[in-house]
């Protein structure tokens, strides 16, 4: 992606894709790709992942921040 765009994807539980998922327990996931994110086709682009609640006193949805090898924030995952 690395084209200066921000992209938001929301994935709902899907029994056809994952027969083990439980729609009542599995929450939707949102992923915000930031301008420096290399895109879906690049495997291993995330070199470090930090959970927001590990950094600050925070209660709420699980939020994970993805960083590349240069330490740039490239994506944010939100688990509702």
PDB file of N, CA and C in Angstrom:
ATOM      1  N   UNK A   1       0.835  -1.178   0.000  1.00  0.00           N
ATOM      2  CA  UNK A   1       0.000   0.000   0.000  1.00  0.00           C
ATOM      3  C   UNK A   1       0.878   1.239   0.000  1.00  0.00           C
ATOM      4  N   UNK A   2       1.746   1.475   0.844  1.00  0.00           N
ATOM      5  CA  UNK A   2       2.697   2.584   0.927  1.00  0.00           C
ATOM      6  C   UNK A   2       2.470   3.682  -0.105  1.00  0.00           C
ATOM      7  N   UNK A   3       1.249   4.122  -0.249  1.00  0.00           N
ATOM      8  CA  UNK A   3       0.922   5.144  -1.231  1.00  0.00           C
ATOM      9  C   UNK A   3       0.257   6.354  -0.590  1.00  0.00           C
ATOM     10  N   UNK A   4       0.395   6.498   0.712  1.00  0.00           N
ATOM     11  CA  UNK A   4      -0.163   7.643   1.389  1.00  0.00           C
ATOM     12  C   UNK A   4      -1.627   7.520   1.741  1.00  0.00           C
ATOM     13  N   UNK A   5      -2.227   6.372   1.512  1.00  0.00           N
ATOM     14  CA  UNK A   5      -3.643   6.178   1.806  1.00  0.00           C
ATOM     15  C   UNK A   5      -3.817   5.468   3.143  1.00  0.00           C
ATOM     16  N   UNK A   6      -4.958   5.713   3.746  1.00  0.00           N
ATOM     17  CA  UNK A   6      -5.348   5.003   4.958  1.00  0.00           C
ATOM     18  C   UNK A   6      -6.526   4.119   4.590  1.00  0.00           C
ATOM     19  N   UNK A   7      -6.479   2.845   4.993  1.00  0.00           N
ATOM     20  CA  UNK A   7      -7.525   1.894   4.627  1.00  0.00           C
ATOM     21  C   UNK A   7      -8.029   1.179   5.872  1.00  0.00           C
ATOM     22  N   UNK A   8      -9.347   1.096   6.014  1.00  0.00           N
ATOM     23  CA  UNK A   8      -9.964   0.407   7.138  1.00  0.00           C
ATOM     24  C   UNK A   8     -10.680  -0.829   6.621  1.00  0.00           C
ATOM     25  N   UNK A   9     -10.375  -1.978   7.228  1.00  0.00           N
ATOM     26  CA  UNK A   9     -11.055  -3.228   6.885  1.00  0.00           C
ATOM     27  C   UNK A   9     -11.707  -3.766   8.142  1.00  0.00           C
ATOM     28  N   UNK A  10     -12.947  -4.220   8.021  1.00  0.00           N
ATOM     29  CA  UNK A  10     -13.660  -4.822   9.142  1.00  0.00           C
ATOM     30  C   UNK A  10     -14.040  -6.234   8.749  1.00  0.00           C
ATOM     31  N   UNK A  11     -13.654  -7.199   9.581  1.00  0.00           N
ATOM     32  CA  UNK A  11     -13.938  -8.608   9.298  1.00  0.00           C
ATOM     33  C   UNK A  11     -14.895  -9.142  10.355  1.00  0.00           C
ATOM     34  N   UNK A  12     -15.997  -9.668   9.913  1.00  0.00           N
ATOM     35  CA  UNK A  12     -16.964 -10.318  10.798  1.00  0.00           C
ATOM     36  C   UNK A  12     -16.647 -11.805  10.846  1.00  0.00           C
ATOM     37  N   UNK A  13     -17.145 -12.497  11.849  1.00  0.00           N
ATOM     38  CA  UNK A  13     -17.004 -13.947  11.919  1.00  0.00           C
ATOM     39  C   UNK A  13     -17.725 -14.560  10.726  1.00  0.00           C
ATOM     40  N   UNK A  14     -17.095 -15.535  10.096  1.00  0.00           N
ATOM     41  CA  UNK A  14     -17.661 -16.149   8.897  1.00  0.00           C
ATOM     42  C   UNK A  14     -17.536 -17.668   8.999  1.00  0.00           C
ATOM     43  N   UNK A  15     -18.661 -18.346   9.155  1.00  0.00           N
ATOM     44  CA  UNK A  15     -18.663 -19.806   9.289  1.00  0.00           C
ATOM     45  C   UNK A  15     -18.159 -20.505   8.036  1.00  0.00           C
ATOM     46  N   UNK A  16     -18.348 -19.895   6.856  1.00  0.00           N
ATOM     47  CA  UNK A  16     -17.882 -20.526   5.618  1.00  0.00           C
ATOM     48  C   UNK A  16     -16.358 -20.527   5.545  1.00  0.00           C
ATOM     49  N   UNK A  17     -15.725 -19.473   6.057  1.00  0.00           N
ATOM     50  CA  UNK A  17     -14.272 -19.377   6.024  1.00  0.00           C
ATOM     51  C   UNK A  17     -13.658 -20.129   7.193  1.00  0.00           C
ATOM     52  N   UNK A  18     -14.239 -19.994   8.384  1.00  0.00           N
ATOM     53  CA  UNK A  18     -13.717 -20.636   9.586  1.00  0.00           C
ATOM     54  C   UNK A  18     -14.850 -21.377  10.286  1.00  0.00           C
ATOM     55  N   UNK A  19     -14.997 -22.684  10.016  1.00  0.00           N
ATOM     56  CA  UNK A  19     -16.106 -23.441  10.595  1.00  0.00           C
ATOM     57  C   UNK A  19     -16.057 -23.543  12.114  1.00  0.00           C
ATOM     58  N   UNK A  20     -14.903 -23.253  12.718  1.00  0.00           N
ATOM     59  CA  UNK A  20     -14.773 -23.319  14.174  1.00  0.00           C
ATOM     60  C   UNK A  20     -15.180 -22.025  14.871  1.00  0.00           C
ATOM     61  N   UNK A  21     -15.461 -20.968  14.098  1.00  0.00           N
ATOM     62  CA  UNK A  21     -15.801 -19.705  14.744  1.00  0.00           C
ATOM     63  C   UNK A  21     -17.202 -19.775  15.350  1.00  0.00           C
ATOM     64  N   UNK A  22     -17.379 -19.035  16.417  1.00  0.00           N
ATOM     65  CA  UNK A  22     -18.659 -18.942  17.103  1.00  0.00           C
ATOM     66  C   UNK A  22     -19.108 -17.488  17.005  1.00  0.00           C
ATOM     67  N   UNK A  23     -20.090 -17.177  16.145  1.00  0.00           N
ATOM     68  CA  UNK A  23     -20.513 -15.791  15.940  1.00  0.00           C
ATOM     69  C   UNK A  23     -20.936 -15.083  17.225  1.00  0.00           C
ATOM     70  N   UNK A  24     -21.362 -15.845  18.236  1.00  0.00           N
ATOM     71  CA  UNK A  24     -21.769 -15.208  19.485  1.00  0.00           C
ATOM     72  C   UNK A  24     -20.576 -14.879  20.375  1.00  0.00           C
ATOM     73  N   UNK A  25     -19.435 -15.559  20.170  1.00  0.00           N
ATOM     74  CA  UNK A  25     -18.248 -15.306  20.991  1.00  0.00           C
ATOM     75  C   UNK A  25     -17.149 -14.586  20.224  1.00  0.00           C
ATOM     76  N   UNK A  26     -17.015 -14.845  18.941  1.00  0.00           N
ATOM     77  CA  UNK A  26     -15.963 -14.228  18.137  1.00  0.00           C
ATOM     78  C   UNK A  26     -16.406 -12.823  17.730  1.00  0.00           C
ATOM     79  N   UNK A  27     -15.619 -11.843  18.109  1.00  0.00           N
ATOM     80  CA  UNK A  27     -15.953 -10.452  17.850  1.00  0.00           C
ATOM     81  C   UNK A  27     -15.439 -10.013  16.487  1.00  0.00           C
ATOM     82  N   UNK A  28     -16.046  -8.962  15.942  1.00  0.00           N
ATOM     83  CA  UNK A  28     -15.511  -8.410  14.699  1.00  0.00           C
ATOM     84  C   UNK A  28     -14.115  -7.818  14.939  1.00  0.00           C
ATOM     85  N   UNK A  29     -13.324  -7.788  13.890  1.00  0.00           N
ATOM     86  CA  UNK A  29     -11.974  -7.247  13.956  1.00  0.00           C
ATOM     87  C   UNK A  29     -11.873  -6.122  12.935  1.00  0.00           C
ATOM     88  N   UNK A  30     -11.312  -4.997  13.353  1.00  0.00           N
ATOM     89  CA  UNK A  30     -11.066  -3.885  12.434  1.00  0.00           C
ATOM     90  C   UNK A  30      -9.562  -3.698  12.323  1.00  0.00           C
ATOM     91  N   UNK A  31      -9.081  -3.457  11.098  1.00  0.00           N
ATOM     92  CA  UNK A  31      -7.649  -3.204  10.894  1.00  0.00           C
ATOM     93  C   UNK A  31      -7.495  -1.930  10.091  1.00  0.00           C
ATOM     94  N   UNK A  32      -6.753  -1.001  10.649  1.00  0.00           N
ATOM     95  CA  UNK A  32      -6.488   0.273  10.007  1.00  0.00           C
ATOM     96  C   UNK A  32      -5.066   0.243   9.462  1.00  0.00           C
ATOM     97  N   UNK A  33      -4.946   0.198   8.138  1.00  0.00           N
ATOM     98  CA  UNK A  33      -3.631   0.233   7.492  1.00  0.00           C
ATOM     99  C   UNK A  33      -3.246   1.691   7.292  1.00  0.00           C
ATOM    100  N   UNK A  34      -2.090   2.063   7.789  1.00  0.00           N
ATOM    101  CA  UNK A  34      -1.610   3.437   7.692  1.00  0.00           C
ATOM    102  C   UNK A  34      -0.768   3.627   6.438  1.00  0.00           C
ATOM    103  N   UNK A  35      -0.457   4.881   6.068  1.00  0.00           N
ATOM    104  CA  UNK A  35       0.208   5.146   4.782  1.00  0.00           C
ATOM    105  C   UNK A  35       1.490   4.357   4.520  1.00  0.00           C
ATOM    106  N   UNK A  36       2.265   4.001   5.533  1.00  0.00           N
ATOM    107  CA  UNK A  36       3.513   3.259   5.307  1.00  0.00           C
ATOM    108  C   UNK A  36       3.320   1.745   5.255  1.00  0.00           C
ATOM    109  N   UNK A  37       2.088   1.257   5.397  1.00  0.00           N
ATOM    110  CA  UNK A  37       1.839  -0.188   5.366  1.00  0.00           C
ATOM    111  C   UNK A  37       2.125  -0.707   3.961  1.00  0.00           C
ATOM    112  N   UNK A  38       2.895  -1.788   3.844  1.00  0.00           N
ATOM    113  CA  UNK A  38       3.267  -2.294   2.519  1.00  0.00           C
ATOM    114  C   UNK A  38       2.157  -3.029   1.774  1.00  0.00           C
ATOM    115  N   UNK A  39       1.059  -3.327   2.417  1.00  0.00           N
ATOM    116  CA  UNK A  39      -0.042  -4.009   1.748  1.00  0.00           C
ATOM    117  C   UNK A  39      -0.145  -5.464   2.150  1.00  0.00           C
ATOM    118  N   UNK A  40      -1.194  -6.115   1.659  1.00  0.00           N
ATOM    119  CA  UNK A  40      -1.485  -7.497   2.051  1.00  0.00           C
ATOM    120  C   UNK A  40      -0.478  -8.501   1.520  1.00  0.00           C
ATOM    121  N   UNK A  41       0.075  -8.242   0.351  1.00  0.00           N
ATOM    122  CA  UNK A  41       0.926  -9.241  -0.294  1.00  0.00           C
ATOM    123  C   UNK A  41       2.298  -9.379   0.363  1.00  0.00           C
ATOM    124  N   UNK A  42       2.665  -8.454   1.228  1.00  0.00           N
ATOM    125  CA  UNK A  42       3.978  -8.503   1.857  1.00  0.00           C
ATOM    126  C   UNK A  42       3.899  -9.292   3.150  1.00  0.00           C
ATOM    127  N   UNK A  43       4.543 -10.464   3.173  1.00  0.00           N
ATOM    128  CA  UNK A  43       4.511 -11.277   4.390  1.00  0.00           C
ATOM    129  C   UNK A  43       5.657 -10.863   5.304  1.00  0.00           C
ATOM    130  N   UNK A  44       5.400 -10.914   6.588  1.00  0.00           N
ATOM    131  CA  UNK A  44       6.423 -10.597   7.564  1.00  0.00           C
ATOM    132  C   UNK A  44       6.748  -9.128   7.689  1.00  0.00           C
ATOM    133  N   UNK A  45       5.860  -8.250   7.251  1.00  0.00           N
ATOM    134  CA  UNK A  45       6.146  -6.815   7.314  1.00  0.00           C
ATOM    135  C   UNK A  45       6.056  -6.287   8.743  1.00  0.00           C
ATOM    136  N   UNK A  46       5.291  -6.954   9.596  1.00  0.00           N
ATOM    137  CA  UNK A  46       5.165  -6.520  10.984  1.00  0.00           C
ATOM    138  C   UNK A  46       6.331  -7.097  11.781  1.00  0.00           C
ATOM    139  N   UNK A  47       7.187  -6.219  12.289  1.00  0.00           N
ATOM    140  CA  UNK A  47       8.359  -6.660  13.051  1.00  0.00           C
ATOM    141  C   UNK A  47       8.137  -6.554  14.550  1.00  0.00           C
ATOM    142  N   UNK A  48       7.178  -5.720  14.967  1.00  0.00           N
ATOM    143  CA  UNK A  48       6.883  -5.572  16.387  1.00  0.00           C
ATOM    144  C   UNK A  48       5.416  -5.225  16.557  1.00  0.00           C
ATOM    145  N   UNK A  49       4.778  -5.850  17.559  1.00  0.00           N
ATOM    146  CA  UNK A  49       3.376  -5.580  17.854  1.00  0.00           C
ATOM    147  C   UNK A  49       3.270  -5.225  19.338  1.00  0.00           C
ATOM    148  N   UNK A  50       2.599  -4.119  19.630  1.00  0.00           N
ATOM    149  CA  UNK A  50       2.400  -3.693  21.006  1.00  0.00           C
ATOM    150  C   UNK A  50       0.914  -3.586  21.310  1.00  0.00           C
ATOM    151  N   UNK A  51       0.540  -4.031  22.494  1.00  0.00           N
ATOM    152  CA  UNK A  51      -0.853  -3.928  22.932  1.00  0.00           C
ATOM    153  C   UNK A  51      -1.002  -2.643  23.746  1.00  0.00           C
ATOM    154  N   UNK A  52      -2.011  -1.858  23.449  1.00  0.00           N
ATOM    155  CA  UNK A  52      -2.206  -0.574  24.105  1.00  0.00           C
ATOM    156  C   UNK A  52      -2.282  -0.718  25.618  1.00  0.00           C
ATOM    157  N   UNK A  53      -2.985  -1.731  26.108  1.00  0.00           N
ATOM    158  CA  UNK A  53      -3.145  -1.901  27.549  1.00  0.00           C
ATOM    159  C   UNK A  53      -1.836  -2.270  28.249  1.00  0.00           C
ATOM    160  N   UNK A  54      -0.810  -2.686  27.486  1.00  0.00           N
ATOM    161  CA  UNK A  54       0.500  -2.942  28.074  1.00  0.00           C
ATOM    162  C   UNK A  54       1.296  -1.645  28.246  1.00  0.00           C
ATOM    163  N   UNK A  55       0.857  -0.584  27.565  1.00  0.00           N
ATOM    164  CA  UNK A  55       1.579   0.686  27.603  1.00  0.00           C
ATOM    165  C   UNK A  55       0.951   1.708  28.541  1.00  0.00           C
ATOM    166  N   UNK A  56      -0.372   1.708  28.613  1.00  0.00           N
ATOM    167  CA  UNK A  56      -1.089   2.683  29.437  1.00  0.00           C
ATOM    168  C   UNK A  56      -2.203   1.980  30.195  1.00  0.00           C
ATOM    169  N   UNK A  57      -2.656   2.615  31.277  1.00  0.00           N
ATOM    170  CA  UNK A  57      -3.777   2.086  32.033  1.00  0.00           C
ATOM    171  C   UNK A  57      -5.028   2.291  31.185  1.00  0.00           C
ATOM    172  N   UNK A  58      -5.517   1.231  30.590  1.00  0.00           N
ATOM    173  CA  UNK A  58      -6.593   1.331  29.599  1.00  0.00           C
ATOM    174  C   UNK A  58      -7.514   0.138  29.747  1.00  0.00           C
ATOM    175  N   UNK A  59      -8.802   0.399  29.726  1.00  0.00           N
ATOM    176  CA  UNK A  59      -9.797  -0.666  29.697  1.00  0.00           C
ATOM    177  C   UNK A  59     -10.691  -0.438  28.498  1.00  0.00           C
ATOM    178  N   UNK A  60     -10.957  -1.483  27.773  1.00  0.00           N
ATOM    179  CA  UNK A  60     -11.791  -1.376  26.584  1.00  0.00           C
ATOM    180  C   UNK A  60     -11.395  -2.447  25.595  1.00  0.00           C
ATOM    181  N   UNK A  61     -11.704  -2.198  24.352  1.00  0.00           N
ATOM    182  CA  UNK A  61     -11.384  -3.137  23.281  1.00  0.00           C
ATOM    183  C   UNK A  61      -9.877  -3.369  23.228  1.00  0.00           C
ATOM    184  N   UNK A  62      -9.473  -4.587  22.869  1.00  0.00           N
ATOM    185  CA  UNK A  62      -8.048  -4.854  22.675  1.00  0.00           C
ATOM    186  C   UNK A  62      -7.580  -4.107  21.436  1.00  0.00           C
ATOM    187  N   UNK A  63      -6.529  -3.334  21.595  1.00  0.00           N
ATOM    188  CA  UNK A  63      -5.965  -2.561  20.489  1.00  0.00           C
ATOM    189  C   UNK A  63      -4.492  -2.921  20.377  1.00  0.00           C
ATOM    190  N   UNK A  64      -4.087  -3.340  19.185  1.00  0.00           N
ATOM    191  CA  UNK A  64      -2.708  -3.719  18.903  1.00  0.00           C
ATOM    192  C   UNK A  64      -2.144  -2.788  17.843  1.00  0.00           C
ATOM    193  N   UNK A  65      -0.908  -2.351  18.049  1.00  0.00           N
ATOM    194  CA  UNK A  65      -0.243  -1.470  17.091  1.00  0.00           C
ATOM    195  C   UNK A  65       0.886  -2.249  16.430  1.00  0.00           C
ATOM    196  N   UNK A  66       0.926  -2.221  15.101  1.00  0.00           N
ATOM    197  CA  UNK A  66       1.937  -2.940  14.324  1.00  0.00           C
ATOM    198  C   UNK A  66       2.998  -1.963  13.834  1.00  0.00           C
ATOM    199  N   UNK A  67       4.265  -2.359  13.993  1.00  0.00           N
ATOM    200  CA  UNK A  67       5.394  -1.534  13.566  1.00  0.00           C
ATOM    201  C   UNK A  67       6.243  -2.310  12.569  1.00  0.00           C
ATOM    202  N   UNK A  68       6.853  -1.587  11.627  1.00  0.00           N
ATOM    203  CA  UNK A  68       7.746  -2.231  10.661  1.00  0.00           C
ATOM    204  C   UNK A  68       9.170  -2.264  11.210  1.00  0.00           C
ATOM    205  N   UNK A  69      10.114  -2.746  10.410  1.00  0.00           N
ATOM    206  CA  UNK A  69      11.501  -2.899  10.854  1.00  0.00           C
ATOM    207  C   UNK A  69      12.152  -1.554  11.178  1.00  0.00           C
ATOM    208  N   UNK A  70      11.670  -0.479  10.577  1.00  0.00           N
ATOM    209  CA  UNK A  70      12.226   0.854  10.831  1.00  0.00           C
ATOM    210  C   UNK A  70      11.591   1.523  12.051  1.00  0.00           C
ATOM    211  N   UNK A  71      10.630   0.834  12.684  1.00  0.00           N
ATOM    212  CA  UNK A  71       9.963   1.387  13.855  1.00  0.00           C
ATOM    213  C   UNK A  71       8.787   2.279  13.545  1.00  0.00           C
ATOM    214  N   UNK A  72       8.346   2.288  12.276  1.00  0.00           N
ATOM    215  CA  UNK A  72       7.188   3.106  11.885  1.00  0.00           C
ATOM    216  C   UNK A  72       5.902   2.359  12.190  1.00  0.00           C
ATOM    217  N   UNK A  73       4.917   3.074  12.712  1.00  0.00           N
ATOM    218  CA  UNK A  73       3.593   2.514  12.929  1.00  0.00           C
ATOM    219  C   UNK A  73       2.941   2.313  11.569  1.00  0.00           C
ATOM    220  N   UNK A  74       2.589   1.058  11.250  1.00  0.00           N
ATOM    221  CA  UNK A  74       2.022   0.772   9.928  1.00  0.00           C
ATOM    222  C   UNK A  74       0.586   0.303   9.981  1.00  0.00           C
ATOM    223  N   UNK A  75       0.106  -0.100  11.175  1.00  0.00           N
ATOM    224  CA  UNK A  75      -1.269  -0.587  11.261  1.00  0.00           C
ATOM    225  C   UNK A  75      -1.752  -0.661  12.690  1.00  0.00           C
ATOM    226  N   UNK A  76      -3.076  -0.613  12.839  1.00  0.00           N
ATOM    227  CA  UNK A  76      -3.706  -0.712  14.138  1.00  0.00           C
ATOM    228  C   UNK A  76      -4.849  -1.710  14.038  1.00  0.00           C
ATOM    229  N   UNK A  77      -4.843  -2.719  14.906  1.00  0.00           N
ATOM    230  CA  UNK A  77      -5.891  -3.740  14.931  1.00  0.00           C
ATOM    231  C   UNK A  77      -6.746  -3.533  16.172  1.00  0.00           C
ATOM    232  N   UNK A  78      -8.070  -3.555  15.976  1.00  0.00           N
ATOM    233  CA  UNK A  78      -9.000  -3.364  17.080  1.00  0.00           C
ATOM    234  C   UNK A  78      -9.911  -4.584  17.152  1.00  0.00           C
ATOM    235  N   UNK A  79      -9.911  -5.248  18.313  1.00  0.00           N
ATOM    236  CA  UNK A  79     -10.748  -6.408  18.538  1.00  0.00           C
ATOM    237  C   UNK A  79     -11.896  -5.976  19.436  1.00  0.00           C
ATOM    238  N   UNK A  80     -13.086  -5.943  18.890  1.00  0.00           N
ATOM    239  CA  UNK A  80     -14.258  -5.448  19.644  1.00  0.00           C
ATOM    240  C   UNK A  80     -14.711  -6.427  20.695  1.00  0.00           C
TER     241      UNK A  80
END
